[in-house]
Amino acid sequence: MTIESIEALGPGDDVEPIGTVFGEVWGDAEPVVPTELLIALVHSDNYVAAARDNSGQVVAASVGVRGADLDGAPILHSHVTGVSAKARGSGVGSALKQHQRTWAAARHLSAITWTFDPLVRRNAHFNIAHLGAEVTGYRLDFYGEMTDAVNAGDVSDRLAVRWAVAERETRRIDPTRPVALVPTPDDVVALRRADPATVAEWRARHRRELATGLDDGAHVVGFSARGDYVLQSDT
């Protein structure tokens, strides 16, 4: 399929299609972002964007809020992005990220931040290997208990990342220093349904190896084609 347009919504625009996409991805039991909050975010010039196919249907959406970096510089925090099943593989995820970057640059924001489940291999590859986002920390059970159709039954550990709006230097592997590899499961979403106990083992391993490594001063310097986080210390 072809993505015809990506547009940030403005006051008075219909936000219902955003909720429809999110409901398809995460289930309809409880809205990921309630309609009234979407309206408030649009009204206050936060980021609510819709991607449409060539028939005009919204097939992907993203929501972000303005915030501040550790040094106080203004940023955009990308809270949630959802892509409908029919749009997967279309490149809309990458297009949405570039749209976010353009939106943030127009508002003089220094960076875009977001979080993702470190066990989801495809997201790790996209964020680290494709975009070059910098991992800034491991957050234990970041959202607390989640009940949506994707995350229910698992703890909500997340990796936090930062993606500079201006051109940036990518952290590279130093060939003179040892690296540590932390693998990921092939498909943790399917594994949650089939074998929750194995997911718990993966989560415990990531807490031991990935979270502890980051806490001890290592950095994620890459994500391998095989599905491994590549960690390296500066010392």
C-alpha atoms as a PDB file:
ATOM      1  CA  MET A   1       0.000   0.000   0.000  1.00  0.00           C
ATOM      2  CA  THR A   2       1.003   3.644  -0.468  1.00  0.00           C
ATOM      3  CA  ILE A   3       1.088   6.315   2.225  1.00  0.00           C
ATOM      4  CA  GLU A   4      -0.429   9.400   0.657  1.00  0.00           C
ATOM      5  CA  SER A   5       0.123  11.930   3.452  1.00  0.00           C
ATOM      6  CA  ILE A   6       1.122  12.519   7.062  1.00  0.00           C
ATOM      7  CA  GLU A   7      -0.388  15.536   8.765  1.00  0.00           C
ATOM      8  CA  ALA A   8      -0.325  16.969  12.275  1.00  0.00           C
ATOM      9  CA  LEU A   9      -3.878  17.609  13.449  1.00  0.00           C
ATOM     10  CA  GLY A  10      -5.042  21.088  14.350  1.00  0.00           C
ATOM     11  CA  PRO A  11      -7.918  22.426  16.474  1.00  0.00           C
ATOM     12  CA  GLY A  12     -11.243  21.212  15.139  1.00  0.00           C
ATOM     13  CA  ASP A  13      -9.824  18.228  13.253  1.00  0.00           C
ATOM     14  CA  ASP A  14     -11.428  14.843  13.822  1.00  0.00           C
ATOM     15  CA  VAL A  15      -9.394  12.768  16.296  1.00  0.00           C
ATOM     16  CA  GLU A  16     -11.640   9.693  16.214  1.00  0.00           C
ATOM     17  CA  PRO A  17      -9.626   7.912  13.487  1.00  0.00           C
ATOM     18  CA  ILE A  18      -6.556   8.118  15.768  1.00  0.00           C
ATOM     19  CA  GLY A  19      -8.422   6.192  18.466  1.00  0.00           C
ATOM     20  CA  THR A  20      -9.611   3.674  15.869  1.00  0.00           C
ATOM     21  CA  VAL A  21      -6.033   2.859  14.815  1.00  0.00           C
ATOM     22  CA  PHE A  22      -4.873   2.573  18.412  1.00  0.00           C
ATOM     23  CA  GLY A  23      -7.838   0.332  19.213  1.00  0.00           C
ATOM     24  CA  GLU A  24      -6.902  -1.992  16.349  1.00  0.00           C
ATOM     25  CA  VAL A  25      -3.318  -2.273  17.584  1.00  0.00           C
ATOM     26  CA  TRP A  26      -3.820  -2.483  21.378  1.00  0.00           C
ATOM     27  CA  GLY A  27      -7.445  -3.576  21.704  1.00  0.00           C
ATOM     28  CA  ASP A  28     -10.575  -1.622  22.541  1.00  0.00           C
ATOM     29  CA  ALA A  29     -10.957  -2.517  26.222  1.00  0.00           C
ATOM     30  CA  GLU A  30      -9.362   0.738  27.398  1.00  0.00           C
ATOM     31  CA  PRO A  31      -8.262   3.579  25.087  1.00  0.00           C
ATOM     32  CA  VAL A  32      -4.507   4.069  24.824  1.00  0.00           C
ATOM     33  CA  VAL A  33      -5.169   7.818  24.608  1.00  0.00           C
ATOM     34  CA  PRO A  34      -8.753   8.910  25.453  1.00  0.00           C
ATOM     35  CA  THR A  35     -10.549  11.112  22.928  1.00  0.00           C
ATOM     36  CA  GLU A  36     -10.790  14.082  25.289  1.00  0.00           C
ATOM     37  CA  LEU A  37      -7.030  13.948  25.897  1.00  0.00           C
ATOM     38  CA  LEU A  38      -6.322  13.834  22.155  1.00  0.00           C
ATOM     39  CA  ILE A  39      -8.461  16.953  21.743  1.00  0.00           C
ATOM     40  CA  ALA A  40      -6.617  18.712  24.594  1.00  0.00           C
ATOM     41  CA  LEU A  41      -3.222  17.788  23.137  1.00  0.00           C
ATOM     42  CA  VAL A  42      -4.159  19.127  19.705  1.00  0.00           C
ATOM     43  CA  HIS A  43      -5.586  22.289  21.251  1.00  0.00           C
ATOM     44  CA  SER A  44      -2.341  22.975  23.159  1.00  0.00           C
ATOM     45  CA  ASP A  45      -0.062  22.436  20.103  1.00  0.00           C
ATOM     46  CA  ASN A  46       1.298  19.065  21.080  1.00  0.00           C
ATOM     47  CA  TYR A  47       1.997  16.393  18.480  1.00  0.00           C
ATOM     48  CA  VAL A  48      -0.963  14.379  17.175  1.00  0.00           C
ATOM     49  CA  ALA A  49      -0.392  13.110  13.645  1.00  0.00           C
ATOM     50  CA  ALA A  50      -2.248  10.864  11.229  1.00  0.00           C
ATOM     51  CA  ALA A  51      -0.911   8.973   8.218  1.00  0.00           C
ATOM     52  CA  ARG A  52      -3.407   8.334   5.421  1.00  0.00           C
ATOM     53  CA  ASP A  53      -3.347   5.894   2.538  1.00  0.00           C
ATOM     54  CA  ASN A  54      -4.333   6.794  -1.016  1.00  0.00           C
ATOM     55  CA  SER A  55      -8.024   6.262  -0.157  1.00  0.00           C
ATOM     56  CA  GLY A  56      -7.836   8.840   2.635  1.00  0.00           C
ATOM     57  CA  GLN A  57      -8.118   6.294   5.445  1.00  0.00           C
ATOM     58  CA  VAL A  58      -5.983   6.829   8.570  1.00  0.00           C
ATOM     59  CA  VAL A  59      -3.696   3.787   8.780  1.00  0.00           C
ATOM     60  CA  ALA A  60      -1.146   4.978  11.362  1.00  0.00           C
ATOM     61  CA  ALA A  61      -0.980   7.605  14.067  1.00  0.00           C
ATOM     62  CA  SER A  62       1.426   9.085  16.574  1.00  0.00           C
ATOM     63  CA  VAL A  63       1.005  11.181  19.719  1.00  0.00           C
ATOM     64  CA  GLY A  64       3.681  13.159  21.551  1.00  0.00           C
ATOM     65  CA  VAL A  65       3.924  15.835  24.224  1.00  0.00           C
ATOM     66  CA  ARG A  66       6.351  18.673  24.771  1.00  0.00           C
ATOM     67  CA  GLY A  67       8.808  18.262  27.616  1.00  0.00           C
ATOM     68  CA  ALA A  68      12.302  19.151  28.801  1.00  0.00           C
ATOM     69  CA  ASP A  69      15.656  17.385  28.476  1.00  0.00           C
ATOM     70  CA  LEU A  70      17.930  16.851  31.485  1.00  0.00           C
ATOM     71  CA  ASP A  71      19.594  20.204  30.741  1.00  0.00           C
ATOM     72  CA  GLY A  72      16.227  21.947  30.478  1.00  0.00           C
ATOM     73  CA  ALA A  73      16.226  22.159  26.678  1.00  0.00           C
ATOM     74  CA  PRO A  74      12.748  21.745  25.141  1.00  0.00           C
ATOM     75  CA  ILE A  75      12.018  18.352  23.578  1.00  0.00           C
ATOM     76  CA  LEU A  76       9.182  16.295  22.129  1.00  0.00           C
ATOM     77  CA  HIS A  77       8.403  13.081  23.996  1.00  0.00           C
ATOM     78  CA  SER A  78       6.802  10.618  21.584  1.00  0.00           C
ATOM     79  CA  HIS A  79       4.320   8.755  23.770  1.00  0.00           C
ATOM     80  CA  VAL A  80       2.702   6.284  21.386  1.00  0.00           C
ATOM     81  CA  THR A  81       2.774   5.339  17.706  1.00  0.00           C
ATOM     82  CA  GLY A  82       0.463   2.741  16.173  1.00  0.00           C
ATOM     83  CA  VAL A  83       0.399   1.221  12.688  1.00  0.00           C
ATOM     84  CA  SER A  84      -2.615  -0.738  11.443  1.00  0.00           C
ATOM     85  CA  ALA A  85      -2.064  -4.253  10.121  1.00  0.00           C
ATOM     86  CA  LYS A  86      -2.683  -3.204   6.515  1.00  0.00           C
ATOM     87  CA  ALA A  87       0.068  -0.544   6.679  1.00  0.00           C
ATOM     88  CA  ARG A  88       2.833  -2.678   8.168  1.00  0.00           C
ATOM     89  CA  GLY A  89       5.818  -2.962   5.880  1.00  0.00           C
ATOM     90  CA  SER A  90       4.878   0.254   4.058  1.00  0.00           C
ATOM     91  CA  GLY A  91       7.634   2.357   5.655  1.00  0.00           C
ATOM     92  CA  VAL A  92       5.092   4.498   7.508  1.00  0.00           C
ATOM     93  CA  GLY A  93       6.890   4.069  10.846  1.00  0.00           C
ATOM     94  CA  SER A  94      10.049   5.647   9.472  1.00  0.00           C
ATOM     95  CA  ALA A  95       8.018   8.336   7.703  1.00  0.00           C
ATOM     96  CA  LEU A  96       6.254   9.222  10.957  1.00  0.00           C
ATOM     97  CA  LYS A  97       9.577   9.576  12.764  1.00  0.00           C
ATOM     98  CA  GLN A  98      10.870  11.933  10.057  1.00  0.00           C
ATOM     99  CA  HIS A  99       7.607  13.885  10.280  1.00  0.00           C
ATOM    100  CA  GLN A 100       8.092  14.183  14.057  1.00  0.00           C
ATOM    101  CA  ARG A 101      11.608  15.470  13.471  1.00  0.00           C
ATOM    102  CA  THR A 102      10.417  18.128  11.016  1.00  0.00           C
ATOM    103  CA  TRP A 103       7.609  19.153  13.410  1.00  0.00           C
ATOM    104  CA  ALA A 104      10.053  19.394  16.324  1.00  0.00           C
ATOM    105  CA  ALA A 105      12.601  21.393  14.311  1.00  0.00           C
ATOM    106  CA  ALA A 106       9.930  23.929  13.324  1.00  0.00           C
ATOM    107  CA  ARG A 107       9.287  24.501  17.046  1.00  0.00           C
ATOM    108  CA  HIS A 108      12.985  24.706  17.951  1.00  0.00           C
ATOM    109  CA  LEU A 109      12.924  21.511  20.010  1.00  0.00           C
ATOM    110  CA  SER A 110      16.319  19.907  20.567  1.00  0.00           C
ATOM    111  CA  ALA A 111      15.450  16.207  20.600  1.00  0.00           C
ATOM    112  CA  ILE A 112      12.753  13.551  20.458  1.00  0.00           C
ATOM    113  CA  THR A 113      12.572  10.975  23.253  1.00  0.00           C
ATOM    114  CA  TRP A 114      10.519   7.817  23.636  1.00  0.00           C
ATOM    115  CA  THR A 115      10.508   4.413  25.285  1.00  0.00           C
ATOM    116  CA  PHE A 116      10.119   0.894  23.921  1.00  0.00           C
ATOM    117  CA  ASP A 117      10.058  -2.674  25.193  1.00  0.00           C
ATOM    118  CA  PRO A 118      13.666  -3.941  25.000  1.00  0.00           C
ATOM    119  CA  LEU A 119      12.451  -7.465  24.196  1.00  0.00           C
ATOM    120  CA  VAL A 120      10.740  -6.369  20.959  1.00  0.00           C
ATOM    121  CA  ARG A 121      13.476  -7.065  18.428  1.00  0.00           C
ATOM    122  CA  ARG A 122      11.957  -5.238  15.461  1.00  0.00           C
ATOM    123  CA  ASN A 123      11.568  -2.029  17.492  1.00  0.00           C
ATOM    124  CA  ALA A 124      15.113  -2.259  18.850  1.00  0.00           C
ATOM    125  CA  HIS A 125      16.492  -2.680  15.330  1.00  0.00           C
ATOM    126  CA  PHE A 126      14.410   0.209  14.014  1.00  0.00           C
ATOM    127  CA  ASN A 127      15.258   2.603  16.842  1.00  0.00           C
ATOM    128  CA  ILE A 128      18.958   1.802  17.226  1.00  0.00           C
ATOM    129  CA  ALA A 129      20.226   0.389  13.918  1.00  0.00           C
ATOM    130  CA  HIS A 130      17.925   2.304  11.553  1.00  0.00           C
ATOM    131  CA  LEU A 131      17.336   5.664  13.256  1.00  0.00           C
ATOM    132  CA  GLY A 132      20.502   5.765  15.346  1.00  0.00           C
ATOM    133  CA  ALA A 133      18.695   6.808  18.532  1.00  0.00           C
ATOM    134  CA  GLU A 134      20.782   6.885  21.711  1.00  0.00           C
ATOM    135  CA  VAL A 135      19.768   4.597  24.573  1.00  0.00           C
ATOM    136  CA  THR A 136      19.680   6.719  27.741  1.00  0.00           C
ATOM    137  CA  GLY A 137      18.530   4.187  30.329  1.00  0.00           C
ATOM    138  CA  TYR A 138      16.625   1.060  31.336  1.00  0.00           C
ATOM    139  CA  ARG A 139      13.371   1.781  33.187  1.00  0.00           C
ATOM    140  CA  LEU A 140      12.068  -1.028  35.399  1.00  0.00           C
ATOM    141  CA  ASP A 141       8.286  -1.570  35.119  1.00  0.00           C
ATOM    142  CA  PHE A 142       7.969   1.939  33.686  1.00  0.00           C
ATOM    143  CA  TYR A 143       4.173   2.026  33.229  1.00  0.00           C
ATOM    144  CA  GLY A 144       3.254  -0.417  35.981  1.00  0.00           C
ATOM    145  CA  GLU A 145       0.631  -3.055  35.138  1.00  0.00           C
ATOM    146  CA  MET A 146      -0.685  -2.838  31.585  1.00  0.00           C
ATOM    147  CA  THR A 147      -3.909  -4.529  30.482  1.00  0.00           C
ATOM    148  CA  ASP A 148      -3.960  -3.970  26.712  1.00  0.00           C
ATOM    149  CA  ALA A 149      -3.991  -6.834  24.217  1.00  0.00           C
ATOM    150  CA  VAL A 150      -0.265  -6.502  23.455  1.00  0.00           C
ATOM    151  CA  ASN A 151       1.315  -6.063  26.918  1.00  0.00           C
ATOM    152  CA  ALA A 152      -1.054  -7.802  29.353  1.00  0.00           C
ATOM    153  CA  GLY A 153       0.563 -10.358  31.627  1.00  0.00           C
ATOM    154  CA  ASP A 154       4.084  -8.928  31.388  1.00  0.00           C
ATOM    155  CA  VAL A 155       5.963  -6.258  33.324  1.00  0.00           C
ATOM    156  CA  SER A 156       6.418  -2.937  31.509  1.00  0.00           C
ATOM    157  CA  ASP A 157      10.221  -2.637  31.440  1.00  0.00           C
ATOM    158  CA  ARG A 158      11.292  -0.053  28.851  1.00  0.00           C
ATOM    159  CA  LEU A 159      14.420   1.317  27.245  1.00  0.00           C
ATOM    160  CA  ALA A 160      14.496   5.109  27.058  1.00  0.00           C
ATOM    161  CA  VAL A 161      16.014   6.627  23.915  1.00  0.00           C
ATOM    162  CA  ARG A 162      16.900  10.092  22.686  1.00  0.00           C
ATOM    163  CA  TRP A 163      17.057  11.172  19.037  1.00  0.00           C
ATOM    164  CA  ALA A 164      18.612  14.576  18.379  1.00  0.00           C
ATOM    165  CA  VAL A 165      16.705  16.836  16.011  1.00  0.00           C
ATOM    166  CA  ALA A 166      19.868  18.428  14.616  1.00  0.00           C
ATOM    167  CA  GLU A 167      22.564  16.368  12.915  1.00  0.00           C
ATOM    168  CA  ARG A 168      24.363  14.215  15.420  1.00  0.00           C
ATOM    169  CA  GLU A 169      27.333  11.919  15.801  1.00  0.00           C
ATOM    170  CA  THR A 170      26.465   8.244  16.078  1.00  0.00           C
ATOM    171  CA  ARG A 171      28.163   6.324  18.875  1.00  0.00           C
ATOM    172  CA  ARG A 172      30.455   3.761  17.273  1.00  0.00           C
ATOM    173  CA  ILE A 173      32.059   0.543  18.455  1.00  0.00           C
ATOM    174  CA  ASP A 174      35.633   1.014  19.668  1.00  0.00           C
ATOM    175  CA  PRO A 175      37.571  -1.948  18.218  1.00  0.00           C
ATOM    176  CA  THR A 176      40.107  -1.729  21.050  1.00  0.00           C
ATOM    177  CA  ARG A 177      37.543  -2.447  23.779  1.00  0.00           C
ATOM    178  CA  PRO A 178      35.539  -5.612  24.506  1.00  0.00           C
ATOM    179  CA  VAL A 179      31.823  -5.732  23.789  1.00  0.00           C
ATOM    180  CA  ALA A 180      28.977  -7.592  25.475  1.00  0.00           C
ATOM    181  CA  LEU A 181      26.038  -8.979  23.484  1.00  0.00           C
ATOM    182  CA  VAL A 182      22.533  -9.194  24.940  1.00  0.00           C
ATOM    183  CA  PRO A 183      20.190 -11.233  22.691  1.00  0.00           C
ATOM    184  CA  THR A 184      16.446 -10.784  22.143  1.00  0.00           C
ATOM    185  CA  PRO A 185      13.685 -13.347  21.413  1.00  0.00           C
ATOM    186  CA  ASP A 186      12.470 -13.733  17.843  1.00  0.00           C
ATOM    187  CA  ASP A 187       8.925 -12.518  18.584  1.00  0.00           C
ATOM    188  CA  VAL A 188       8.124 -11.649  22.182  1.00  0.00           C
ATOM    189  CA  VAL A 189       4.526 -10.660  21.373  1.00  0.00           C
ATOM    190  CA  ALA A 190       3.728 -14.174  20.141  1.00  0.00           C
ATOM    191  CA  LEU A 191       5.782 -15.651  22.982  1.00  0.00           C
ATOM    192  CA  ARG A 192       3.659 -13.844  25.589  1.00  0.00           C
ATOM    193  CA  ARG A 193       0.623 -15.753  24.366  1.00  0.00           C
ATOM    194  CA  ALA A 194       2.351 -19.120  23.967  1.00  0.00           C
ATOM    195  CA  ASP A 195       4.846 -19.260  26.856  1.00  0.00           C
ATOM    196  CA  PRO A 196       4.691 -16.481  29.482  1.00  0.00           C
ATOM    197  CA  ALA A 197       7.210 -18.297  31.694  1.00  0.00           C
ATOM    198  CA  THR A 198       9.861 -18.050  28.975  1.00  0.00           C
ATOM    199  CA  VAL A 199       9.106 -14.340  28.565  1.00  0.00           C
ATOM    200  CA  ALA A 200       9.738 -13.919  32.297  1.00  0.00           C
ATOM    201  CA  GLU A 201      13.114 -15.650  31.876  1.00  0.00           C
ATOM    202  CA  TRP A 202      14.019 -13.291  29.020  1.00  0.00           C
ATOM    203  CA  ARG A 203      12.957 -10.307  31.116  1.00  0.00           C
ATOM    204  CA  ALA A 204      15.095 -11.442  34.050  1.00  0.00           C
ATOM    205  CA  ARG A 205      18.072 -11.898  31.745  1.00  0.00           C
ATOM    206  CA  HIS A 206      17.675  -8.395  30.332  1.00  0.00           C
ATOM    207  CA  ARG A 207      17.510  -6.957  33.828  1.00  0.00           C
ATOM    208  CA  ARG A 208      20.735  -8.798  34.740  1.00  0.00           C
ATOM    209  CA  GLU A 209      22.687  -8.069  31.577  1.00  0.00           C
ATOM    210  CA  LEU A 210      21.226  -5.021  29.856  1.00  0.00           C
ATOM    211  CA  ALA A 211      19.934  -2.959  32.792  1.00  0.00           C
ATOM    212  CA  THR A 212      22.924  -3.735  34.996  1.00  0.00           C
ATOM    213  CA  GLY A 213      25.357  -3.034  32.166  1.00  0.00           C
ATOM    214  CA  LEU A 214      23.818   0.382  31.537  1.00  0.00           C
ATOM    215  CA  ASP A 215      23.763   1.159  35.262  1.00  0.00           C
ATOM    216  CA  ASP A 216      27.465   0.276  35.432  1.00  0.00           C
ATOM    217  CA  GLY A 217      28.337   2.800  32.724  1.00  0.00           C
ATOM    218  CA  ALA A 218      28.184   0.788  29.513  1.00  0.00           C
ATOM    219  CA  HIS A 219      26.502   2.191  26.402  1.00  0.00           C
ATOM    220  CA  VAL A 220      24.456   0.564  23.669  1.00  0.00           C
ATOM    221  CA  VAL A 221      26.649   1.101  20.606  1.00  0.00           C
ATOM    222  CA  GLY A 222      24.653  -0.969  18.150  1.00  0.00           C
ATOM    223  CA  PHE A 223      22.073  -3.627  17.460  1.00  0.00           C
ATOM    224  CA  SER A 224      23.227  -6.605  15.431  1.00  0.00           C
ATOM    225  CA  ALA A 225      21.511  -8.182  12.440  1.00  0.00           C
ATOM    226  CA  ARG A 226      21.154 -11.323  14.564  1.00  0.00           C
ATOM    227  CA  GLY A 227      19.131  -9.438  17.192  1.00  0.00           C
ATOM    228  CA  ASP A 228      21.697  -8.579  19.892  1.00  0.00           C
ATOM    229  CA  TYR A 229      22.189  -5.350  21.801  1.00  0.00           C
ATOM    230  CA  VAL A 230      25.873  -4.443  21.565  1.00  0.00           C
ATOM    231  CA  LEU A 231      27.164  -2.931  24.819  1.00  0.00           C
ATOM    232  CA  GLN A 232      30.541  -1.326  25.355  1.00  0.00           C
ATOM    233  CA  SER A 233      32.078   0.632  28.213  1.00  0.00           C
ATOM    234  CA  ASP A 234      34.156   3.790  27.787  1.00  0.00           C
ATOM    235  CA  THR A 235      36.714   2.483  30.283  1.00  0.00           C
END
